Amino acid sequence: MGETRMMYSKATLRANKPPRKGYQGVLSYKDEGGVWREKRHVLKATTKTDAKLELARWREEMEEKAGTMGDPSLKGVGIAVADYVDGIVDELEASGQVEAATVRSYHGSARYIRFAFSEVKMGELTPEQVREWEQGMVADGYSSSTIIKTHNLLKQAMKRAVERDVIPKNPLNTVRPPKRKKKNPGINALDGNARARILGLLGQMEATRITVAAQIALYTGMREGEICGLKWSDLDLQNGQLWVRRSIALGEGGAYEKLPKTDRVRDVVYPQTLACILKEWRATQKEEFLGEGEPWTADEFVLGTPSAYLHPSVLSRSWATLARSFGVKGTAGRLPTFHDLRHTWATMFLAAGGDVKTAASNLGHAKASMTLDVYASCDPDAKRRAADIVERAMLPHGA
């Protein structure tokens, strides 16, 4: 194994102060006395994307140089685990090879690592410390999904540290994260009676962003983020068709616009019942905008206000309150979440004889097999109908 690799804790991109254009890179590290220091470098790139790539290359060069020339920057084994992980996340972000949503997720996971290992050095981290930390997260009520994501980020960072000769072996190789648990196992769709009751209750209420969103979900199977990202220009109310072009996603910095989950624009058809609901809601929204002195255009979000789109978490929480007031439960015996309305559309469509490929297209699944995996056995009457079909087929003709 070669010399210990140096590691800068953080690489930051900063725009030059006007009137000077361009960017400069800043590398942060602690000296031997534990005092934070910085190294600066004027970058040649003129665009932010190119500057991020140049910054990553400069950081790589400086760390290589530090590893062979005895730079006073903090050595890899002596850097705090949390600082090293932050540095790896910064590298991934600067590379441009990781989706923005994934980077946001990494930053969120890195906060848990900082809370636990801000004082633990890279050369001191042990499997026992990691196990104790993860067991503590379980005891504190963190979801298995959160713990697994954080575990995977830490393991990935330690793997890179081994590849760079920062540490001799990955302390997470012998640590298994907790098994993933489904908070609400099983599809909790609404059966025919529950669907009719909820649609009836929604129809009797004054139209709001939440009631309209629920009806869109029931009639189309769209995700909450996609519904929040829907604009009037995406709808053809005359022919009952819409295009899913964007979604409102949640990240560490809050909500933001992104492409749909499969990164593909898709079209969804819907019945005239929903078209009438949307036409009435459009008239209501126009009046609201006019009352606030704001112009209305077809580029407005269907569920938006003059100032913003509807936040997906607001939609989910508001629907939960409404569902409790309705008291209607799904096939799994629980109050339906907003996402369960999507499940309801899928189970209803397939149970009524709709083909799987059309269901997958409407739902935005990459493959029809995914739709089958999720919904093939969620219709409670499907097996009984299958038994009846077999019995009829077994009877002799004319019987």
Protein backbone atom coordinates (compact mmCIF):
# COMPACT_ATOMS: atom_id res chain seq x y z
CA MET A 1 0.00 0.00 0.00
CA GLY A 2 1.31 3.46 -0.91
CA GLU A 3 1.59 6.59 1.17
CA THR A 4 -1.49 7.78 3.05
CA ARG A 5 -3.71 9.86 0.81
CA MET A 6 -4.39 13.46 1.85
CA MET A 7 -7.99 14.61 1.89
CA TYR A 8 -9.41 18.11 1.82
CA SER A 9 -12.54 18.35 3.91
CA LYS A 10 -14.53 20.47 1.50
CA ALA A 11 -14.29 21.89 -1.99
CA THR A 12 -16.34 25.05 -2.57
CA LEU A 13 -17.13 26.89 -5.80
CA ARG A 14 -17.39 30.67 -5.47
CA ALA A 15 -18.21 33.28 -8.10
CA ASN A 16 -15.67 36.08 -8.45
CA LYS A 17 -16.77 39.48 -7.21
CA PRO A 18 -17.94 41.96 -9.90
CA PRO A 19 -16.69 43.30 -12.19
CA ARG A 20 -14.47 40.25 -12.46
CA LYS A 21 -16.20 37.31 -14.10
CA GLY A 22 -15.70 33.57 -13.64
CA TYR A 23 -15.18 31.38 -10.60
CA GLN A 24 -12.62 30.38 -8.02
CA GLY A 25 -12.25 27.13 -6.14
CA VAL A 26 -11.66 26.90 -2.39
CA LEU A 27 -10.26 23.82 -0.63
CA SER A 28 -10.73 23.66 3.15
CA TYR A 29 -8.60 21.65 5.56
CA LYS A 30 -7.35 21.64 9.15
CA ASP A 31 -3.70 22.18 9.90
CA GLU A 32 -1.77 20.17 12.47
CA GLY A 33 -3.02 22.48 15.21
CA GLY A 34 -6.66 21.83 14.29
CA VAL A 35 -7.14 25.31 12.77
CA TRP A 36 -9.20 25.55 9.58
CA ARG A 37 -7.25 26.74 6.53
CA GLU A 38 -8.15 27.43 2.90
CA LYS A 39 -6.45 27.18 -0.47
CA ARG A 40 -7.81 29.19 -3.37
CA HIS A 41 -7.44 28.78 -7.10
CA VAL A 42 -8.79 30.94 -9.95
CA LEU A 43 -10.60 28.66 -12.40
CA LYS A 44 -10.48 29.03 -16.16
CA ALA A 45 -14.02 27.82 -16.75
CA THR A 46 -16.66 30.40 -17.65
CA THR A 47 -19.80 28.33 -16.93
CA LYS A 48 -20.84 26.92 -13.57
CA THR A 49 -21.03 23.35 -14.91
CA ASP A 50 -17.51 23.48 -16.34
CA ALA A 51 -16.27 25.19 -13.17
CA LYS A 52 -17.58 22.33 -11.02
CA LEU A 53 -15.71 19.81 -13.15
CA GLU A 54 -12.53 21.90 -13.07
CA LEU A 55 -12.84 22.23 -9.29
CA ALA A 56 -13.13 18.45 -8.93
CA ARG A 57 -10.02 17.95 -11.10
CA TRP A 58 -8.06 20.55 -9.14
CA ARG A 59 -9.02 18.93 -5.87
CA GLU A 60 -7.90 15.56 -7.20
CA GLU A 61 -4.56 17.01 -8.31
CA MET A 62 -3.97 18.76 -4.98
CA GLU A 63 -4.74 15.61 -3.01
CA GLU A 64 -2.41 13.57 -5.19
CA LYS A 65 0.29 16.20 -4.68
CA ALA A 66 -0.33 16.31 -0.94
CA GLY A 67 -0.02 12.55 -0.70
CA THR A 68 3.43 12.49 -2.30
CA MET A 69 4.94 15.79 -1.13
CA GLY A 70 3.93 15.97 2.51
CA ASP A 71 1.43 18.83 2.27
CA PRO A 72 0.42 20.17 5.72
CA SER A 73 -3.25 19.42 4.96
CA LEU A 74 -4.86 16.93 7.28
CA LYS A 75 -4.00 13.34 6.40
CA GLY A 76 -6.83 11.00 5.48
CA VAL A 77 -6.62 8.85 8.61
CA GLY A 78 -6.79 11.95 10.78
CA ILE A 79 -9.76 13.66 9.17
CA ALA A 80 -13.13 13.35 10.88
CA VAL A 81 -15.45 10.75 9.35
CA ALA A 82 -18.19 13.35 8.91
CA ASP A 83 -15.82 15.72 7.09
CA TYR A 84 -14.65 12.94 4.79
CA VAL A 85 -18.21 11.96 3.91
CA ASP A 86 -19.11 15.61 3.21
CA GLY A 87 -16.11 15.77 0.90
CA ILE A 88 -17.21 12.67 -1.01
CA VAL A 89 -20.72 14.10 -1.46
CA ASP A 90 -19.21 17.35 -2.75
CA GLU A 91 -17.14 15.35 -5.24
CA LEU A 92 -20.19 13.49 -6.51
CA GLU A 93 -22.11 16.74 -6.87
CA ALA A 94 -19.24 18.45 -8.71
CA SER A 95 -18.84 15.52 -11.11
CA GLY A 96 -22.31 16.13 -12.57
CA GLN A 97 -22.79 12.36 -12.89
CA VAL A 98 -25.29 12.07 -10.03
CA GLU A 99 -28.88 13.27 -10.29
CA ALA A 100 -29.69 16.39 -8.27
CA ALA A 101 -32.34 14.55 -6.25
CA THR A 102 -29.78 11.89 -5.31
CA VAL A 103 -27.29 14.55 -4.20
CA ARG A 104 -29.96 16.11 -1.99
CA SER A 105 -30.62 12.70 -0.48
CA TYR A 106 -26.88 12.27 0.19
CA HIS A 107 -26.73 15.63 1.95
CA GLY A 108 -29.67 14.59 4.12
CA SER A 109 -27.99 11.30 5.06
CA ALA A 110 -24.68 13.09 5.70
CA ARG A 111 -26.36 15.10 8.48
CA TYR A 112 -26.98 11.91 10.47
CA ILE A 113 -23.34 10.90 9.98
CA ARG A 114 -22.16 14.32 11.17
CA PHE A 115 -24.27 14.04 14.30
CA ALA A 116 -22.63 10.70 15.16
CA PHE A 117 -19.09 10.92 13.82
CA SER A 118 -18.02 14.57 13.77
CA GLU A 119 -15.26 13.79 16.30
CA VAL A 120 -14.35 10.27 15.17
CA LYS A 121 -11.28 10.12 12.92
CA MET A 122 -11.16 8.01 9.77
CA GLY A 123 -8.48 5.78 11.22
CA GLU A 124 -10.50 5.21 14.41
CA LEU A 125 -13.90 4.16 13.03
CA THR A 126 -14.78 0.57 13.99
CA PRO A 127 -17.59 -1.83 13.03
CA GLU A 128 -18.74 -1.81 16.67
CA GLN A 129 -19.20 1.98 16.59
CA VAL A 130 -21.28 1.73 13.43
CA ARG A 131 -23.47 -1.06 14.82
CA GLU A 132 -24.08 0.86 18.05
CA TRP A 133 -24.94 4.00 16.10
CA GLU A 134 -27.42 2.22 13.82
CA GLN A 135 -29.01 0.39 16.76
CA GLY A 136 -29.43 3.78 18.41
CA MET A 137 -31.19 5.14 15.33
CA VAL A 138 -33.58 2.17 15.43
CA ALA A 139 -34.27 2.81 19.11
CA ASP A 140 -34.90 6.50 18.38
CA GLY A 141 -37.61 5.57 15.90
CA TYR A 142 -35.88 6.34 12.60
CA SER A 143 -37.30 4.39 9.67
CA SER A 144 -35.38 1.46 8.23
CA SER A 145 -35.26 3.31 4.91
CA THR A 146 -33.49 6.31 6.49
CA ILE A 147 -30.97 4.10 8.30
CA ILE A 148 -30.24 2.02 5.20
CA LYS A 149 -29.67 5.11 3.03
CA THR A 150 -27.30 6.56 5.62
CA HIS A 151 -25.50 3.22 6.02
CA ASN A 152 -25.03 2.93 2.25
CA LEU A 153 -23.61 6.45 1.96
CA LEU A 154 -21.12 5.83 4.78
CA LYS A 155 -20.13 2.47 3.27
CA GLN A 156 -19.65 4.07 -0.16
CA ALA A 157 -17.45 6.80 1.34
CA MET A 158 -15.36 4.24 3.23
CA LYS A 159 -14.97 2.17 0.06
CA ARG A 160 -13.52 5.20 -1.71
CA ALA A 161 -11.23 5.80 1.24
CA VAL A 162 -9.85 2.26 0.88
CA GLU A 163 -9.38 2.74 -2.88
CA ARG A 164 -7.40 5.92 -2.16
CA ASP A 165 -5.24 4.32 0.53
CA VAL A 166 -6.72 6.55 3.22
CA ILE A 167 -7.64 3.56 5.39
CA PRO A 168 -6.56 -0.10 5.09
CA LYS A 169 -10.04 -1.66 5.11
CA ASN A 170 -13.71 -0.73 5.10
CA PRO A 171 -15.13 -0.92 8.65
CA LEU A 172 -18.65 -1.38 7.24
CA ASN A 173 -17.87 -4.59 5.37
CA THR A 174 -18.94 -6.64 8.39
CA VAL A 175 -21.89 -4.44 9.39
CA ARG A 176 -25.37 -5.22 8.15
CA PRO A 177 -27.99 -2.47 8.24
CA PRO A 178 -31.45 -3.23 9.66
CA LYS A 179 -33.84 -5.02 7.33
CA ARG A 180 -36.14 -2.76 5.38
CA LYS A 181 -39.63 -2.73 6.84
CA LYS A 182 -42.77 -1.58 5.15
CA LYS A 183 -44.57 0.90 7.34
CA ASN A 184 -47.93 -0.04 5.86
CA PRO A 185 -47.55 -3.44 4.16
CA GLY A 186 -49.97 -4.32 1.39
CA ILE A 187 -51.99 -2.32 -1.12
CA ASN A 188 -54.68 -0.29 0.64
CA ALA A 189 -56.91 0.51 -2.32
CA LEU A 190 -60.57 1.54 -2.05
CA ASP A 191 -63.13 -1.03 -3.12
CA GLY A 192 -66.22 -0.13 -5.15
CA ASN A 193 -68.34 0.97 -2.19
CA ALA A 194 -65.56 3.04 -0.64
CA ARG A 195 -64.79 4.69 -4.01
CA ALA A 196 -68.42 5.62 -4.51
CA ARG A 197 -68.69 7.03 -0.99
CA ILE A 198 -65.55 9.17 -1.24
CA LEU A 199 -66.43 10.47 -4.71
CA GLY A 200 -69.90 11.31 -3.43
CA LEU A 201 -68.51 13.18 -0.42
CA LEU A 202 -65.98 15.07 -2.56
CA GLY A 203 -68.72 16.03 -5.00
CA GLN A 204 -70.82 17.53 -2.21
CA MET A 205 -68.01 19.70 -0.90
CA GLU A 206 -66.90 23.09 -2.07
CA ALA A 207 -64.09 22.65 -4.57
CA THR A 208 -60.62 23.21 -3.08
CA ARG A 209 -57.13 22.33 -4.21
CA ILE A 210 -57.25 19.22 -2.03
CA THR A 211 -60.62 17.92 -3.23
CA VAL A 212 -59.70 18.55 -6.87
CA ALA A 213 -56.32 16.84 -6.38
CA ALA A 214 -58.02 13.78 -4.86
CA GLN A 215 -60.40 13.51 -7.82
CA ILE A 216 -57.51 13.82 -10.29
CA ALA A 217 -55.72 10.98 -8.48
CA LEU A 218 -58.81 8.75 -8.46
CA TYR A 219 -59.52 9.30 -12.15
CA THR A 220 -55.92 9.15 -13.46
CA GLY A 221 -53.67 7.27 -11.01
CA MET A 222 -51.09 10.09 -11.03
CA ARG A 223 -48.58 10.56 -8.21
CA GLU A 224 -49.03 13.49 -5.79
CA GLY A 225 -45.86 15.23 -7.00
CA GLU A 226 -47.04 14.94 -10.61
CA ILE A 227 -50.44 16.37 -9.75
CA CYS A 228 -48.82 19.29 -7.94
CA GLY A 229 -46.65 19.89 -11.02
CA LEU A 230 -49.55 19.84 -13.48
CA LYS A 231 -50.16 23.05 -15.45
CA TRP A 232 -53.23 24.05 -17.42
CA SER A 233 -51.14 24.05 -20.58
CA ASP A 234 -50.61 20.30 -20.00
CA LEU A 235 -54.36 19.59 -20.29
CA ASP A 236 -56.65 19.05 -23.26
CA LEU A 237 -60.02 19.42 -21.56
CA GLN A 238 -61.91 18.91 -24.81
CA ASN A 239 -60.50 15.45 -25.53
CA GLY A 240 -59.84 14.32 -21.95
CA GLN A 241 -56.09 14.00 -22.22
CA LEU A 242 -53.14 15.43 -20.29
CA TRP A 243 -49.34 15.24 -20.40
CA VAL A 244 -47.20 14.60 -17.34
CA ARG A 245 -44.18 16.83 -18.00
CA ARG A 246 -42.88 17.56 -14.51
CA SER A 247 -43.16 16.61 -10.86
CA ILE A 248 -42.71 18.54 -7.63
CA ALA A 249 -40.17 16.63 -5.55
CA LEU A 250 -38.97 17.04 -1.96
CA GLY A 251 -35.30 17.52 -1.12
CA GLU A 252 -33.13 18.79 1.71
CA GLY A 253 -33.59 22.37 0.52
CA GLY A 254 -37.36 22.04 0.14
CA ALA A 255 -39.58 21.37 -2.88
CA TYR A 256 -38.33 21.73 -6.44
CA GLU A 257 -39.42 20.95 -10.00
CA LYS A 258 -38.03 17.90 -11.77
CA LEU A 259 -38.85 15.50 -14.58
CA PRO A 260 -41.37 12.72 -13.89
CA LYS A 261 -40.05 9.66 -12.08
CA THR A 262 -39.03 7.79 -15.24
CA ASP A 263 -37.60 11.02 -16.76
CA ARG A 264 -40.11 10.69 -19.59
CA VAL A 265 -43.08 12.80 -20.55
CA ARG A 266 -46.19 10.63 -20.77
CA ASP A 267 -49.81 11.18 -21.74
CA VAL A 268 -52.77 10.16 -19.58
CA VAL A 269 -56.41 9.95 -20.64
CA TYR A 270 -59.27 10.70 -18.30
CA PRO A 271 -63.11 10.64 -18.43
CA GLN A 272 -65.39 13.57 -19.12
CA THR A 273 -66.50 13.54 -15.48
CA LEU A 274 -63.05 14.75 -14.49
CA ALA A 275 -62.96 17.17 -17.43
CA CYS A 276 -66.12 18.86 -16.08
CA ILE A 277 -64.60 19.03 -12.57
CA LEU A 278 -61.46 20.66 -13.98
CA LYS A 279 -63.39 23.18 -16.09
CA GLU A 280 -65.32 24.31 -13.02
CA TRP A 281 -62.12 24.48 -10.98
CA ARG A 282 -60.40 26.55 -13.67
CA ALA A 283 -63.19 29.12 -13.49
CA THR A 284 -62.87 29.20 -9.68
CA GLN A 285 -59.11 29.66 -9.87
CA LYS A 286 -59.43 32.48 -12.40
CA GLU A 287 -61.77 34.33 -10.04
CA GLU A 288 -59.30 33.80 -7.18
CA PHE A 289 -56.44 35.25 -9.23
CA LEU A 290 -58.59 38.20 -10.30
CA GLY A 291 -59.56 38.87 -6.69
CA GLU A 292 -55.88 39.11 -5.77
CA GLY A 293 -55.13 41.38 -8.70
CA GLU A 294 -53.01 38.77 -10.45
CA PRO A 295 -53.20 37.84 -14.15
CA TRP A 296 -54.15 34.24 -14.99
CA THR A 297 -52.51 32.33 -17.85
CA ALA A 298 -52.56 28.77 -19.11
CA ASP A 299 -49.06 28.38 -17.67
CA GLU A 300 -50.42 28.43 -14.11
CA PHE A 301 -50.25 25.30 -11.97
CA VAL A 302 -53.64 23.59 -11.84
CA LEU A 303 -53.48 23.47 -8.04
CA GLY A 304 -51.34 26.56 -7.65
CA THR A 305 -51.83 29.99 -6.17
CA PRO A 306 -50.69 33.28 -7.72
CA SER A 307 -47.39 32.84 -5.93
CA ALA A 308 -46.55 29.11 -5.96
CA TYR A 309 -47.44 25.51 -6.74
CA LEU A 310 -49.12 23.30 -4.14
CA HIS A 311 -46.47 21.63 -1.96
CA PRO A 312 -46.75 17.79 -2.05
CA SER A 313 -46.37 17.49 1.73
CA VAL A 314 -49.20 20.00 2.22
CA LEU A 315 -51.33 17.92 -0.13
CA SER A 316 -50.57 14.67 1.73
CA ARG A 317 -51.23 16.16 5.18
CA SER A 318 -54.42 17.93 4.10
CA TRP A 319 -55.74 14.77 2.49
CA ALA A 320 -54.98 12.78 5.66
CA THR A 321 -57.15 15.21 7.64
CA LEU A 322 -59.94 14.89 5.07
CA ALA A 323 -59.71 11.10 5.01
CA ARG A 324 -60.06 10.95 8.79
CA SER A 325 -63.21 13.04 8.57
CA PHE A 326 -64.64 10.67 5.93
CA GLY A 327 -63.86 7.59 8.01
CA VAL A 328 -63.65 5.40 4.90
CA LYS A 329 -61.03 2.63 4.98
CA GLY A 330 -59.25 0.76 2.22
CA THR A 331 -58.95 -2.96 1.56
CA ALA A 332 -56.10 -3.27 4.11
CA GLY A 333 -58.30 -1.80 6.84
CA ARG A 334 -56.47 1.55 7.05
CA LEU A 335 -57.49 5.08 6.22
CA PRO A 336 -56.32 5.74 2.65
CA THR A 337 -53.24 7.91 2.16
CA PHE A 338 -53.13 10.14 -0.89
CA HIS A 339 -50.89 7.58 -2.60
CA ASP A 340 -53.57 4.95 -1.97
CA LEU A 341 -55.79 6.87 -4.39
CA ARG A 342 -53.24 6.01 -7.08
CA HIS A 343 -53.42 2.36 -6.00
CA THR A 344 -57.20 2.61 -6.21
CA TRP A 345 -57.13 3.69 -9.85
CA ALA A 346 -54.76 0.85 -10.77
CA THR A 347 -56.71 -1.91 -9.01
CA MET A 348 -60.04 -0.63 -10.35
CA PHE A 349 -58.71 -0.42 -13.93
CA LEU A 350 -57.18 -3.90 -13.91
CA ALA A 351 -60.16 -5.50 -12.13
CA ALA A 352 -62.46 -4.02 -14.78
CA GLY A 353 -60.47 -5.78 -17.52
CA GLY A 354 -58.07 -3.00 -18.48
CA ASP A 355 -54.86 -4.22 -20.10
CA VAL A 356 -51.60 -4.12 -18.18
CA LYS A 357 -49.64 -2.10 -20.76
CA THR A 358 -52.17 0.73 -20.69
CA ALA A 359 -52.15 0.70 -16.89
CA ALA A 360 -48.33 0.85 -16.87
CA SER A 361 -48.37 3.75 -19.34
CA ASN A 362 -50.90 5.76 -17.31
CA LEU A 363 -49.07 5.05 -14.04
CA GLY A 364 -45.69 5.95 -15.47
CA HIS A 365 -44.12 2.55 -14.79
CA ALA A 366 -41.01 1.83 -16.84
CA LYS A 367 -42.18 -1.72 -17.56
CA ALA A 368 -45.52 -3.52 -17.53
CA SER A 369 -43.89 -6.20 -15.36
CA MET A 370 -43.58 -3.62 -12.58
CA THR A 371 -47.34 -3.04 -12.72
CA LEU A 372 -47.96 -6.78 -12.55
CA ASP A 373 -45.57 -7.20 -9.60
CA VAL A 374 -47.38 -4.52 -7.60
CA TYR A 375 -51.01 -5.10 -8.52
CA ALA A 376 -51.37 -8.67 -9.82
CA SER A 377 -52.84 -10.03 -6.56
CA CYS A 378 -54.35 -6.93 -4.97
CA ASP A 379 -57.91 -7.45 -6.26
CA PRO A 380 -59.65 -9.38 -3.45
CA ASP A 381 -62.18 -10.90 -5.87
CA ALA A 382 -59.67 -11.85 -8.59
CA LYS A 383 -58.94 -15.36 -7.27
CA ARG A 384 -62.62 -16.11 -6.84
CA ARG A 385 -63.31 -15.04 -10.44
CA ALA A 386 -60.37 -17.20 -11.57
CA ALA A 387 -61.87 -20.21 -9.80
CA ASP A 388 -65.24 -19.58 -11.47
CA ILE A 389 -63.57 -19.33 -14.89
CA VAL A 390 -61.78 -22.66 -14.36
CA GLU A 391 -64.98 -24.34 -13.19
CA ARG A 392 -66.92 -23.17 -16.27
CA ALA A 393 -64.09 -24.24 -18.57
CA MET A 394 -64.05 -27.72 -17.03
CA LEU A 395 -67.74 -28.31 -17.71
CA PRO A 396 -68.60 -30.22 -20.89
CA HIS A 397 -69.95 -28.11 -23.73
CA GLY A 398 -73.70 -27.62 -23.50
CA ALA A 399 -73.86 -28.52 -19.82
